[in-house]
Amino acid sequence: MIRPHIIIFAGPVGSGKSTNIRLLSVWLRQRGIKTKETYLKTAFFITNVFSKFNRKVCSRYIFLINKITVILDLIINAFFIFPILSLFKIKLWERLGYVVLVEEYLPGILVDYFHLTLLYGLDKRIVRWLIKVLCSCLNLNRAIIIFLVCDYDVLPIRWRKRGSPREHVSYLMSQQKIFAIFSNSMNNALSLSTNRDINDVFHELTLIISRSITKRNSQ
């Protein structure tokens, strides 16, 4: 019997997170396993509101305004939005016996915090404090983390096909750094190349999931 698990998918836009979550959900349900598909991503409510007024403000103040609203959004996310959403979108379903398939979650969220720190020159002490809060409320001990890896020359082709905007090089580099830290420091983090045909990728994914769950259930 498979115990409840949280399976996290992280990777750049176009790496196949949504596709593999959808396929894995069907695969698990066919085997009588209850699944819940969800996502948890940084929200920028204050920044989006103030961005509508940016063009009315003298340009030399726009960067400062953005910096202030971004740090306020990061604080609100860490202390309120993420704890509440993780409770109702993830932890509750896990308690009910579901395998929860999550897109982004803590690995993707930390990319945003790291990248915005570089972009706006945020106070690193504040950001480190917020990251500690995030790590405490978004526990990864019971999770399996799948990092989807795709060559950077393939991603622009996929972005065009799905109509997604191009990702900034600095953001992709931030992803690479954060994902490398997770991969090297956590024994429940695995990498999967998605440069191949989706059927080959998904076949390897099911093998990885089966081995990981069997290993954890035997402990």
N, C-alpha and C. Protein backbone atom coordinates (compact mmCIF):
# COMPACT_ATOMS: atom_id res chain seq x y z
N MET A 1 0.85 -1.20 0.00
CA MET A 1 0.00 0.00 0.00
C MET A 1 0.88 1.25 0.00
N ILE A 2 0.64 2.17 -0.91
CA ILE A 2 1.44 3.40 -0.98
C ILE A 2 0.95 4.38 0.07
N ARG A 3 1.86 4.84 0.88
CA ARG A 3 1.51 5.85 1.86
C ARG A 3 1.35 7.20 1.18
N PRO A 4 0.66 8.13 1.82
CA PRO A 4 0.54 9.48 1.24
C PRO A 4 1.91 10.11 1.05
N HIS A 5 2.06 10.80 -0.04
CA HIS A 5 3.33 11.45 -0.35
C HIS A 5 3.07 12.79 -1.02
N ILE A 6 4.06 13.66 -0.91
CA ILE A 6 4.07 14.90 -1.68
C ILE A 6 5.16 14.74 -2.72
N ILE A 7 4.80 14.88 -3.99
CA ILE A 7 5.78 14.79 -5.08
C ILE A 7 5.86 16.15 -5.74
N ILE A 8 7.03 16.77 -5.67
CA ILE A 8 7.23 18.14 -6.15
C ILE A 8 7.95 18.11 -7.49
N PHE A 9 7.45 18.91 -8.43
CA PHE A 9 8.09 19.05 -9.73
C PHE A 9 8.62 20.47 -9.86
N ALA A 10 9.91 20.58 -10.12
CA ALA A 10 10.54 21.89 -10.29
C ALA A 10 11.37 21.89 -11.56
N GLY A 11 11.52 23.07 -12.16
CA GLY A 11 12.30 23.19 -13.38
C GLY A 11 11.91 24.46 -14.11
N PRO A 12 12.68 24.83 -15.14
CA PRO A 12 12.36 26.04 -15.89
C PRO A 12 11.06 25.92 -16.66
N VAL A 13 10.50 27.06 -17.05
CA VAL A 13 9.29 27.07 -17.88
C VAL A 13 9.59 26.33 -19.18
N GLY A 14 8.75 25.36 -19.52
CA GLY A 14 8.95 24.59 -20.74
C GLY A 14 9.65 23.26 -20.51
N SER A 15 10.02 22.97 -19.27
CA SER A 15 10.73 21.71 -19.00
C SER A 15 9.78 20.52 -18.90
N GLY A 16 8.47 20.78 -18.79
CA GLY A 16 7.49 19.69 -18.79
C GLY A 16 6.85 19.40 -17.45
N LYS A 17 6.85 20.36 -16.55
CA LYS A 17 6.27 20.13 -15.21
C LYS A 17 4.78 19.79 -15.29
N SER A 18 4.01 20.65 -15.93
CA SER A 18 2.55 20.45 -16.00
C SER A 18 2.21 19.17 -16.75
N THR A 19 2.92 18.91 -17.84
CA THR A 19 2.65 17.72 -18.65
C THR A 19 2.90 16.45 -17.85
N ASN A 20 4.03 16.38 -17.16
CA ASN A 20 4.35 15.17 -16.41
C ASN A 20 3.46 15.01 -15.18
N ILE A 21 3.06 16.10 -14.57
CA ILE A 21 2.11 16.01 -13.45
C ILE A 21 0.78 15.43 -13.93
N ARG A 22 0.32 15.93 -15.07
CA ARG A 22 -0.96 15.43 -15.61
C ARG A 22 -0.88 13.94 -15.95
N LEU A 23 0.19 13.52 -16.60
CA LEU A 23 0.35 12.11 -16.97
C LEU A 23 0.51 11.22 -15.74
N LEU A 24 1.28 11.70 -14.76
CA LEU A 24 1.50 10.91 -13.55
C LEU A 24 0.21 10.78 -12.75
N SER A 25 -0.60 11.82 -12.73
CA SER A 25 -1.88 11.76 -12.03
C SER A 25 -2.76 10.66 -12.62
N VAL A 26 -2.83 10.61 -13.95
CA VAL A 26 -3.63 9.57 -14.62
C VAL A 26 -3.07 8.19 -14.30
N TRP A 27 -1.75 8.05 -14.35
CA TRP A 27 -1.07 6.77 -14.11
C TRP A 27 -1.36 6.27 -12.70
N LEU A 28 -1.31 7.15 -11.72
CA LEU A 28 -1.57 6.77 -10.33
C LEU A 28 -3.04 6.41 -10.11
N ARG A 29 -3.93 7.19 -10.71
CA ARG A 29 -5.36 6.92 -10.54
C ARG A 29 -5.75 5.59 -11.16
N GLN A 30 -5.10 5.23 -12.25
CA GLN A 30 -5.38 3.93 -12.88
C GLN A 30 -4.98 2.79 -11.97
N ARG A 31 -4.12 3.06 -11.02
CA ARG A 31 -3.68 2.05 -10.06
C ARG A 31 -4.39 2.18 -8.72
N GLY A 32 -5.49 2.94 -8.72
CA GLY A 32 -6.32 3.06 -7.54
C GLY A 32 -5.77 3.99 -6.48
N ILE A 33 -4.86 4.88 -6.86
CA ILE A 33 -4.24 5.80 -5.91
C ILE A 33 -4.86 7.18 -6.06
N LYS A 34 -5.37 7.72 -4.98
CA LYS A 34 -5.97 9.05 -5.02
C LYS A 34 -4.89 10.11 -5.19
N THR A 35 -5.12 11.04 -6.12
CA THR A 35 -4.12 12.09 -6.37
C THR A 35 -4.77 13.47 -6.35
N LYS A 36 -3.96 14.45 -6.02
CA LYS A 36 -4.36 15.85 -6.05
C LYS A 36 -3.29 16.65 -6.76
N GLU A 37 -3.67 17.37 -7.82
CA GLU A 37 -2.74 18.21 -8.56
C GLU A 37 -2.87 19.65 -8.07
N THR A 38 -1.76 20.30 -7.79
CA THR A 38 -1.81 21.67 -7.32
C THR A 38 -0.48 22.38 -7.61
N TYR A 39 -0.39 23.61 -7.21
CA TYR A 39 0.84 24.39 -7.39
C TYR A 39 0.93 25.41 -6.26
N LEU A 40 2.15 25.88 -6.03
CA LEU A 40 2.37 26.93 -5.05
C LEU A 40 3.49 27.82 -5.56
N LYS A 41 3.16 29.04 -5.87
CA LYS A 41 4.08 29.96 -6.51
C LYS A 41 3.98 31.33 -5.85
N THR A 42 5.08 32.08 -5.87
CA THR A 42 5.10 33.41 -5.27
C THR A 42 4.06 34.32 -5.91
N ALA A 43 3.31 35.04 -5.07
CA ALA A 43 2.29 35.98 -5.55
C ALA A 43 2.76 37.40 -5.28
N PHE A 44 2.52 38.29 -6.23
CA PHE A 44 2.98 39.68 -6.11
C PHE A 44 1.78 40.64 -6.18
N PHE A 45 0.94 40.57 -5.16
CA PHE A 45 -0.27 41.38 -5.14
C PHE A 45 0.05 42.88 -5.06
N ILE A 46 0.87 43.26 -4.10
CA ILE A 46 1.18 44.69 -3.90
C ILE A 46 1.96 45.24 -5.09
N THR A 47 2.94 44.49 -5.56
CA THR A 47 3.76 44.92 -6.70
C THR A 47 2.90 45.13 -7.94
N ASN A 48 1.96 44.22 -8.19
CA ASN A 48 1.10 44.34 -9.38
C ASN A 48 0.18 45.55 -9.28
N VAL A 49 -0.31 45.83 -8.08
CA VAL A 49 -1.19 46.99 -7.90
C VAL A 49 -0.42 48.28 -8.18
N PHE A 50 0.76 48.40 -7.58
CA PHE A 50 1.54 49.63 -7.74
C PHE A 50 2.12 49.78 -9.13
N SER A 51 2.31 48.66 -9.85
CA SER A 51 2.86 48.76 -11.20
C SER A 51 1.93 49.50 -12.14
N LYS A 52 0.63 49.51 -11.81
CA LYS A 52 -0.34 50.23 -12.65
C LYS A 52 -0.16 51.74 -12.55
N PHE A 53 0.48 52.18 -11.46
CA PHE A 53 0.66 53.62 -11.26
C PHE A 53 2.09 54.07 -11.59
N ASN A 54 2.94 53.12 -11.99
CA ASN A 54 4.34 53.46 -12.23
C ASN A 54 4.52 54.51 -13.31
N ARG A 55 3.72 54.42 -14.37
CA ARG A 55 3.91 55.36 -15.47
C ARG A 55 3.49 56.78 -15.10
N LYS A 56 2.77 56.92 -13.97
CA LYS A 56 2.35 58.24 -13.52
C LYS A 56 3.37 58.86 -12.56
N VAL A 57 4.38 58.06 -12.19
CA VAL A 57 5.38 58.51 -11.23
C VAL A 57 6.68 58.83 -11.96
N CYS A 58 7.40 59.77 -11.47
CA CYS A 58 8.70 60.12 -12.04
C CYS A 58 9.57 58.87 -12.14
N SER A 59 10.19 58.65 -13.29
CA SER A 59 10.91 57.40 -13.56
C SER A 59 12.01 57.10 -12.56
N ARG A 60 12.61 58.11 -11.97
CA ARG A 60 13.71 57.86 -11.04
C ARG A 60 13.25 57.23 -9.74
N TYR A 61 11.92 57.24 -9.48
CA TYR A 61 11.40 56.63 -8.27
C TYR A 61 10.81 55.24 -8.51
N ILE A 62 10.69 54.82 -9.75
CA ILE A 62 10.04 53.55 -10.07
C ILE A 62 10.80 52.38 -9.46
N PHE A 63 12.12 52.39 -9.61
CA PHE A 63 12.92 51.27 -9.08
C PHE A 63 12.77 51.17 -7.56
N LEU A 64 12.80 52.31 -6.88
CA LEU A 64 12.66 52.32 -5.42
C LEU A 64 11.28 51.80 -5.00
N ILE A 65 10.24 52.25 -5.71
CA ILE A 65 8.88 51.79 -5.40
C ILE A 65 8.77 50.28 -5.61
N ASN A 66 9.31 49.79 -6.73
CA ASN A 66 9.28 48.36 -7.00
C ASN A 66 10.03 47.58 -5.93
N LYS A 67 11.16 48.10 -5.50
CA LYS A 67 11.95 47.43 -4.47
C LYS A 67 11.16 47.29 -3.17
N ILE A 68 10.48 48.36 -2.79
CA ILE A 68 9.69 48.34 -1.55
C ILE A 68 8.52 47.38 -1.66
N THR A 69 7.79 47.45 -2.77
CA THR A 69 6.62 46.57 -2.93
C THR A 69 7.03 45.11 -3.04
N VAL A 70 8.16 44.83 -3.67
CA VAL A 70 8.63 43.45 -3.79
C VAL A 70 8.96 42.87 -2.42
N ILE A 71 9.69 43.60 -1.60
CA ILE A 71 10.04 43.08 -0.27
C ILE A 71 8.79 42.91 0.60
N LEU A 72 7.81 43.81 0.45
CA LEU A 72 6.55 43.65 1.18
C LEU A 72 5.82 42.38 0.74
N ASP A 73 5.82 42.14 -0.57
CA ASP A 73 5.18 40.93 -1.09
C ASP A 73 5.89 39.67 -0.59
N LEU A 74 7.21 39.68 -0.55
CA LEU A 74 7.96 38.52 -0.07
C LEU A 74 7.66 38.24 1.40
N ILE A 75 7.53 39.30 2.19
CA ILE A 75 7.20 39.14 3.62
C ILE A 75 5.79 38.56 3.78
N ILE A 76 4.84 39.13 3.04
CA ILE A 76 3.45 38.65 3.12
C ILE A 76 3.36 37.20 2.68
N ASN A 77 4.09 36.85 1.61
CA ASN A 77 4.08 35.46 1.14
C ASN A 77 4.62 34.51 2.20
N ALA A 78 5.75 34.87 2.81
CA ALA A 78 6.41 33.97 3.76
C ALA A 78 5.60 33.77 5.03
N PHE A 79 4.96 34.84 5.53
CA PHE A 79 4.28 34.76 6.83
C PHE A 79 2.80 34.44 6.74
N PHE A 80 2.18 34.70 5.60
CA PHE A 80 0.73 34.52 5.52
C PHE A 80 0.30 33.63 4.36
N ILE A 81 0.66 34.00 3.13
CA ILE A 81 0.13 33.32 1.96
C ILE A 81 0.59 31.86 1.89
N PHE A 82 1.90 31.62 1.99
CA PHE A 82 2.40 30.25 1.85
C PHE A 82 1.95 29.33 2.98
N PRO A 83 2.00 29.74 4.25
CA PRO A 83 1.51 28.84 5.31
C PRO A 83 0.04 28.47 5.13
N ILE A 84 -0.78 29.45 4.73
CA ILE A 84 -2.22 29.18 4.57
C ILE A 84 -2.47 28.30 3.35
N LEU A 85 -1.86 28.65 2.21
CA LEU A 85 -2.10 27.89 0.99
C LEU A 85 -1.53 26.47 1.09
N SER A 86 -0.36 26.33 1.70
CA SER A 86 0.22 24.98 1.83
C SER A 86 -0.65 24.10 2.70
N LEU A 87 -1.31 24.70 3.69
CA LEU A 87 -2.20 23.93 4.56
C LEU A 87 -3.40 23.39 3.78
N PHE A 88 -4.05 24.26 3.01
CA PHE A 88 -5.29 23.86 2.33
C PHE A 88 -5.06 23.20 0.96
N LYS A 89 -3.96 23.54 0.31
CA LYS A 89 -3.74 22.98 -1.04
C LYS A 89 -2.87 21.73 -1.03
N ILE A 90 -2.13 21.50 0.08
CA ILE A 90 -1.19 20.38 0.08
C ILE A 90 -1.34 19.51 1.32
N LYS A 91 -1.09 20.06 2.51
CA LYS A 91 -1.03 19.26 3.72
C LYS A 91 -2.36 18.59 4.06
N LEU A 92 -3.46 19.29 3.85
CA LEU A 92 -4.77 18.71 4.13
C LEU A 92 -5.02 17.48 3.27
N TRP A 93 -4.69 17.58 1.97
CA TRP A 93 -4.91 16.46 1.05
C TRP A 93 -4.00 15.29 1.38
N GLU A 94 -2.77 15.60 1.79
CA GLU A 94 -1.86 14.52 2.20
C GLU A 94 -2.42 13.78 3.40
N ARG A 95 -2.97 14.54 4.36
CA ARG A 95 -3.57 13.93 5.55
C ARG A 95 -4.76 13.04 5.18
N LEU A 96 -5.45 13.40 4.11
CA LEU A 96 -6.62 12.63 3.68
C LEU A 96 -6.23 11.39 2.87
N GLY A 97 -4.92 11.16 2.71
CA GLY A 97 -4.46 9.95 2.05
C GLY A 97 -4.18 10.08 0.57
N TYR A 98 -4.06 11.31 0.08
CA TYR A 98 -3.79 11.55 -1.34
C TYR A 98 -2.28 11.63 -1.60
N VAL A 99 -1.89 11.24 -2.80
CA VAL A 99 -0.56 11.60 -3.30
C VAL A 99 -0.71 12.97 -3.94
N VAL A 100 -0.02 13.96 -3.40
CA VAL A 100 -0.17 15.34 -3.86
C VAL A 100 0.96 15.67 -4.83
N LEU A 101 0.58 16.04 -6.05
CA LEU A 101 1.54 16.39 -7.09
C LEU A 101 1.60 17.92 -7.17
N VAL A 102 2.74 18.48 -6.80
CA VAL A 102 2.85 19.93 -6.65
C VAL A 102 3.84 20.50 -7.66
N GLU A 103 3.44 21.57 -8.31
CA GLU A 103 4.33 22.29 -9.22
C GLU A 103 4.96 23.47 -8.49
N GLU A 104 6.27 23.59 -8.59
CA GLU A 104 7.08 24.66 -8.00
C GLU A 104 7.37 24.39 -6.52
N TYR A 105 6.46 24.81 -5.62
CA TYR A 105 6.61 24.67 -4.18
C TYR A 105 7.93 25.31 -3.73
N LEU A 106 8.57 24.79 -2.69
CA LEU A 106 9.71 25.49 -2.08
C LEU A 106 10.88 25.71 -3.04
N PRO A 107 11.30 24.73 -3.85
CA PRO A 107 12.42 25.00 -4.76
C PRO A 107 12.17 26.18 -5.69
N GLY A 108 11.00 26.21 -6.31
CA GLY A 108 10.67 27.31 -7.21
C GLY A 108 10.51 28.63 -6.50
N ILE A 109 9.94 28.59 -5.30
CA ILE A 109 9.74 29.82 -4.52
C ILE A 109 11.08 30.44 -4.15
N LEU A 110 12.03 29.61 -3.72
CA LEU A 110 13.34 30.14 -3.34
C LEU A 110 14.08 30.75 -4.52
N VAL A 111 13.81 30.25 -5.71
CA VAL A 111 14.40 30.86 -6.92
C VAL A 111 13.94 32.32 -7.02
N ASP A 112 12.65 32.55 -6.79
CA ASP A 112 12.11 33.92 -6.84
C ASP A 112 12.78 34.80 -5.80
N TYR A 113 12.91 34.31 -4.58
CA TYR A 113 13.52 35.10 -3.50
C TYR A 113 14.99 35.40 -3.81
N PHE A 114 15.71 34.42 -4.32
CA PHE A 114 17.12 34.60 -4.64
C PHE A 114 17.29 35.57 -5.81
N HIS A 115 16.49 35.38 -6.86
CA HIS A 115 16.61 36.23 -8.05
C HIS A 115 16.24 37.67 -7.75
N LEU A 116 15.19 37.89 -6.98
CA LEU A 116 14.77 39.25 -6.65
C LEU A 116 15.78 39.95 -5.73
N THR A 117 16.46 39.17 -4.90
CA THR A 117 17.53 39.73 -4.07
C THR A 117 18.64 40.31 -4.95
N LEU A 118 19.00 39.56 -6.00
CA LEU A 118 20.03 40.03 -6.93
C LEU A 118 19.52 41.19 -7.76
N LEU A 119 18.27 41.10 -8.21
CA LEU A 119 17.72 42.09 -9.13
C LEU A 119 17.56 43.46 -8.48
N TYR A 120 17.09 43.47 -7.23
CA TYR A 120 16.80 44.73 -6.55
C TYR A 120 17.80 45.08 -5.44
N GLY A 121 18.79 44.23 -5.24
CA GLY A 121 19.75 44.49 -4.18
C GLY A 121 19.11 44.50 -2.81
N LEU A 122 18.23 43.55 -2.56
CA LEU A 122 17.53 43.49 -1.28
C LEU A 122 18.50 43.14 -0.16
N ASP A 123 18.15 43.53 1.05
CA ASP A 123 18.96 43.24 2.23
C ASP A 123 19.00 41.71 2.43
N LYS A 124 20.20 41.14 2.33
CA LYS A 124 20.33 39.68 2.39
C LYS A 124 19.94 39.13 3.75
N ARG A 125 20.11 39.94 4.81
CA ARG A 125 19.72 39.47 6.15
C ARG A 125 18.21 39.26 6.22
N ILE A 126 17.46 40.19 5.63
CA ILE A 126 16.00 40.05 5.62
C ILE A 126 15.58 38.84 4.81
N VAL A 127 16.20 38.67 3.65
CA VAL A 127 15.84 37.55 2.77
C VAL A 127 16.18 36.21 3.42
N ARG A 128 17.34 36.12 4.08
CA ARG A 128 17.71 34.88 4.78
C ARG A 128 16.71 34.57 5.88
N TRP A 129 16.26 35.59 6.58
CA TRP A 129 15.25 35.43 7.63
C TRP A 129 13.95 34.90 7.04
N LEU A 130 13.54 35.45 5.90
CA LEU A 130 12.31 34.99 5.25
C LEU A 130 12.45 33.56 4.75
N ILE A 131 13.63 33.21 4.25
CA ILE A 131 13.86 31.85 3.76
C ILE A 131 13.77 30.84 4.90
N LYS A 132 14.26 31.21 6.08
CA LYS A 132 14.14 30.34 7.25
C LYS A 132 12.67 30.09 7.59
N VAL A 133 11.88 31.16 7.50
CA VAL A 133 10.45 31.02 7.75
C VAL A 133 9.82 30.08 6.72
N LEU A 134 10.18 30.26 5.45
CA LEU A 134 9.65 29.41 4.39
C LEU A 134 10.01 27.95 4.59
N CYS A 135 11.26 27.69 4.92
CA CYS A 135 11.71 26.31 5.09
C CYS A 135 11.03 25.63 6.27
N SER A 136 10.67 26.41 7.28
CA SER A 136 10.01 25.83 8.45
C SER A 136 8.54 25.51 8.18
N CYS A 137 7.88 26.33 7.36
CA CYS A 137 6.45 26.10 7.10
C CYS A 137 6.21 25.20 5.89
N LEU A 138 7.16 25.16 4.96
CA LEU A 138 7.02 24.30 3.77
C LEU A 138 7.99 23.13 3.91
N ASN A 139 7.67 22.22 4.81
CA ASN A 139 8.55 21.11 5.14
C ASN A 139 8.69 20.14 3.96
N LEU A 140 9.93 19.73 3.68
CA LEU A 140 10.19 18.83 2.56
C LEU A 140 10.56 17.41 3.00
N ASN A 141 10.48 17.15 4.30
CA ASN A 141 10.94 15.85 4.81
C ASN A 141 10.16 14.68 4.22
N ARG A 142 8.87 14.87 3.97
CA ARG A 142 8.05 13.77 3.46
C ARG A 142 7.87 13.85 1.95
N ALA A 143 8.59 14.74 1.30
CA ALA A 143 8.39 14.97 -0.13
C ALA A 143 9.44 14.27 -0.99
N ILE A 144 9.06 13.98 -2.21
CA ILE A 144 9.99 13.55 -3.25
C ILE A 144 10.09 14.72 -4.23
N ILE A 145 11.30 15.18 -4.52
CA ILE A 145 11.49 16.33 -5.39
C ILE A 145 12.06 15.86 -6.73
N ILE A 146 11.37 16.18 -7.81
CA ILE A 146 11.82 15.82 -9.16
C ILE A 146 12.22 17.11 -9.88
N PHE A 147 13.50 17.24 -10.18
CA PHE A 147 13.97 18.39 -10.96
C PHE A 147 14.00 18.00 -12.44
N LEU A 148 13.21 18.68 -13.24
CA LEU A 148 13.18 18.42 -14.67
C LEU A 148 14.23 19.29 -15.34
N VAL A 149 15.14 18.65 -16.04
CA VAL A 149 16.28 19.32 -16.66
C VAL A 149 16.11 19.33 -18.17
N CYS A 150 16.30 20.51 -18.77
CA CYS A 150 16.15 20.64 -20.22
C CYS A 150 17.24 21.58 -20.74
N ASP A 151 17.83 21.23 -21.88
CA ASP A 151 18.87 22.09 -22.45
C ASP A 151 18.33 23.47 -22.77
N TYR A 152 19.14 24.49 -22.51
CA TYR A 152 18.69 25.86 -22.70
C TYR A 152 18.44 26.21 -24.17
N ASP A 153 19.03 25.47 -25.10
CA ASP A 153 18.75 25.75 -26.51
C ASP A 153 17.42 25.13 -26.96
N VAL A 154 16.88 24.22 -26.14
CA VAL A 154 15.58 23.60 -26.45
C VAL A 154 14.44 24.45 -25.89
N LEU A 155 14.66 25.08 -24.74
CA LEU A 155 13.60 25.82 -24.05
C LEU A 155 12.96 26.92 -24.91
N PRO A 156 13.73 27.76 -25.63
CA PRO A 156 13.08 28.81 -26.44
C PRO A 156 12.09 28.26 -27.46
N ILE A 157 12.38 27.08 -28.00
CA ILE A 157 11.46 26.45 -28.96
C ILE A 157 10.14 26.12 -28.27
N ARG A 158 10.24 25.59 -27.07
CA ARG A 158 9.03 25.23 -26.32
C ARG A 158 8.27 26.48 -25.87
N TRP A 159 9.00 27.54 -25.52
CA TRP A 159 8.34 28.79 -25.14
C TRP A 159 7.51 29.33 -26.29
N ARG A 160 8.06 29.28 -27.49
CA ARG A 160 7.31 29.77 -28.67
C ARG A 160 6.07 28.93 -28.92
N LYS A 161 6.18 27.63 -28.78
CA LYS A 161 5.05 26.74 -29.04
C LYS A 161 3.89 26.98 -28.07
N ARG A 162 4.22 27.27 -26.82
CA ARG A 162 3.18 27.47 -25.80
C ARG A 162 2.83 28.94 -25.61
N GLY A 163 3.50 29.83 -26.36
CA GLY A 163 3.20 31.25 -26.27
C GLY A 163 3.69 31.91 -25.00
N SER A 164 4.73 31.34 -24.39
CA SER A 164 5.28 31.90 -23.15
C SER A 164 6.34 32.95 -23.47
N PRO A 165 6.45 33.98 -22.64
CA PRO A 165 7.53 34.97 -22.85
C PRO A 165 8.88 34.34 -22.57
N ARG A 166 9.92 34.90 -23.15
CA ARG A 166 11.27 34.40 -22.90
C ARG A 166 11.68 34.67 -21.45
N GLU A 167 12.32 33.69 -20.84
CA GLU A 167 12.82 33.85 -19.48
C GLU A 167 14.14 34.62 -19.52
N HIS A 168 14.35 35.49 -18.54
CA HIS A 168 15.61 36.22 -18.46
C HIS A 168 16.75 35.27 -18.11
N VAL A 169 17.90 35.51 -18.69
CA VAL A 169 19.08 34.68 -18.43
C VAL A 169 19.40 34.66 -16.94
N SER A 170 19.28 35.82 -16.28
CA SER A 170 19.58 35.90 -14.85
C SER A 170 18.65 35.00 -14.03
N TYR A 171 17.38 34.91 -14.46
CA TYR A 171 16.42 34.05 -13.75
C TYR A 171 16.77 32.58 -13.96
N LEU A 172 17.14 32.20 -15.17
CA LEU A 172 17.53 30.83 -15.46
C LEU A 172 18.77 30.44 -14.65
N MET A 173 19.70 31.39 -14.53
CA MET A 173 20.91 31.13 -13.74
C MET A 173 20.58 30.98 -12.26
N SER A 174 19.62 31.76 -11.77
CA SER A 174 19.18 31.63 -10.38
C SER A 174 18.57 30.25 -10.15
N GLN A 175 17.75 29.80 -11.10
CA GLN A 175 17.16 28.47 -11.01
C GLN A 175 18.25 27.40 -10.94
N GLN A 176 19.22 27.53 -11.81
CA GLN A 176 20.30 26.55 -11.85
C GLN A 176 21.03 26.46 -10.51
N LYS A 177 21.31 27.61 -9.89
CA LYS A 177 22.02 27.63 -8.61
C LYS A 177 21.19 27.01 -7.49
N ILE A 178 19.93 27.42 -7.41
CA ILE A 178 19.07 26.91 -6.33
C ILE A 178 18.82 25.42 -6.49
N PHE A 179 18.53 24.98 -7.70
CA PHE A 179 18.27 23.55 -7.93
C PHE A 179 19.51 22.71 -7.66
N ALA A 180 20.69 23.26 -7.98
CA ALA A 180 21.93 22.52 -7.70
C ALA A 180 22.13 22.34 -6.21
N ILE A 181 21.80 23.38 -5.44
CA ILE A 181 21.91 23.30 -3.97
C ILE A 181 21.00 22.21 -3.43
N PHE A 182 19.76 22.19 -3.91
CA PHE A 182 18.81 21.16 -3.46
C PHE A 182 19.30 19.77 -3.84
N SER A 183 19.73 19.61 -5.09
CA SER A 183 20.14 18.29 -5.58
C SER A 183 21.31 17.74 -4.79
N ASN A 184 22.21 18.63 -4.39
CA ASN A 184 23.42 18.19 -3.69
C ASN A 184 23.22 18.01 -2.19
N SER A 185 22.19 18.64 -1.64
CA SER A 185 22.03 18.62 -0.19
C SER A 185 20.89 17.75 0.32
N MET A 186 20.03 17.27 -0.57
CA MET A 186 18.87 16.51 -0.12
C MET A 186 18.86 15.14 -0.79
N ASN A 187 18.64 14.10 0.03
CA ASN A 187 18.63 12.74 -0.52
C ASN A 187 17.30 12.36 -1.14
N ASN A 188 16.31 13.26 -1.03
CA ASN A 188 15.01 12.98 -1.65
C ASN A 188 14.79 13.82 -2.91
N ALA A 189 15.91 14.35 -3.48
CA ALA A 189 15.84 15.15 -4.70
C ALA A 189 16.45 14.36 -5.85
N LEU A 190 15.71 14.30 -6.96
CA LEU A 190 16.15 13.53 -8.13
C LEU A 190 16.06 14.39 -9.38
N SER A 191 16.90 14.11 -10.36
CA SER A 191 16.90 14.85 -11.62
C SER A 191 16.41 13.96 -12.76
N LEU A 192 15.70 14.59 -13.69
CA LEU A 192 15.17 13.85 -14.85
C LEU A 192 15.29 14.73 -16.09
N SER A 193 16.02 14.25 -17.09
CA SER A 193 16.18 15.01 -18.33
C SER A 193 14.92 14.89 -19.18
N THR A 194 14.44 16.03 -19.70
CA THR A 194 13.23 16.04 -20.53
C THR A 194 13.55 16.44 -21.97
N ASN A 195 14.79 16.24 -22.40
CA ASN A 195 15.16 16.55 -23.78
C ASN A 195 14.63 15.52 -24.76
N ARG A 196 14.15 14.38 -24.25
CA ARG A 196 13.73 13.27 -25.10
C ARG A 196 12.23 13.30 -25.37
N ASP A 197 11.77 12.27 -26.07
CA ASP A 197 10.34 12.09 -26.33
C ASP A 197 9.60 11.96 -25.01
N ILE A 198 8.41 12.52 -24.93
CA ILE A 198 7.66 12.55 -23.68
C ILE A 198 7.36 11.15 -23.16
N ASN A 199 7.15 10.18 -24.05
CA ASN A 199 6.88 8.81 -23.61
C ASN A 199 8.09 8.21 -22.89
N ASP A 200 9.29 8.48 -23.42
CA ASP A 200 10.51 7.98 -22.77
C ASP A 200 10.71 8.66 -21.42
N VAL A 201 10.45 9.97 -21.38
CA VAL A 201 10.59 10.72 -20.13
C VAL A 201 9.63 10.18 -19.08
N PHE A 202 8.38 9.98 -19.48
CA PHE A 202 7.37 9.54 -18.51
C PHE A 202 7.65 8.12 -18.03
N HIS A 203 8.15 7.27 -18.91
CA HIS A 203 8.49 5.90 -18.49
C HIS A 203 9.57 5.93 -17.41
N GLU A 204 10.59 6.76 -17.61
CA GLU A 204 11.64 6.88 -16.59
C GLU A 204 11.08 7.49 -15.31
N LEU A 205 10.16 8.45 -15.44
CA LEU A 205 9.56 9.08 -14.28
C LEU A 205 8.82 8.06 -13.42
N THR A 206 8.03 7.20 -14.03
CA THR A 206 7.28 6.19 -13.27
C THR A 206 8.22 5.22 -12.56
N LEU A 207 9.34 4.89 -13.20
CA LEU A 207 10.32 4.02 -12.54
C LEU A 207 10.92 4.71 -11.33
N ILE A 208 11.25 6.01 -11.48
CA ILE A 208 11.82 6.78 -10.38
C ILE A 208 10.84 6.87 -9.22
N ILE A 209 9.59 7.19 -9.53
CA ILE A 209 8.57 7.32 -8.48
C ILE A 209 8.35 5.99 -7.77
N SER A 210 8.26 4.90 -8.53
CA SER A 210 8.03 3.58 -7.94
C SER A 210 9.16 3.19 -7.02
N ARG A 211 10.41 3.41 -7.46
CA ARG A 211 11.56 3.06 -6.61
C ARG A 211 11.61 3.92 -5.35
N SER A 212 11.34 5.22 -5.52
CA SER A 212 11.42 6.13 -4.38
C SER A 212 10.37 5.80 -3.33
N ILE A 213 9.14 5.56 -3.77
CA ILE A 213 8.05 5.27 -2.84
C ILE A 213 8.28 3.92 -2.16
N THR A 214 8.75 2.93 -2.93
CA THR A 214 9.03 1.61 -2.34
C THR A 214 10.12 1.70 -1.30
N LYS A 215 11.17 2.47 -1.59
CA LYS A 215 12.26 2.63 -0.65
C LYS A 215 11.80 3.32 0.64
N ARG A 216 10.98 4.39 0.51
CA ARG A 216 10.53 5.12 1.68
C ARG A 216 9.56 4.29 2.52
N ASN A 217 8.72 3.49 1.85
CA ASN A 217 7.74 2.68 2.59
C ASN A 217 8.41 1.53 3.34
N SER A 218 9.61 1.14 2.90
CA SER A 218 10.32 0.04 3.55
C SER A 218 11.14 0.51 4.74
N GLN A 219 11.28 1.84 4.90
CA GLN A 219 12.09 2.38 5.98
C GLN A 219 11.33 2.39 7.31
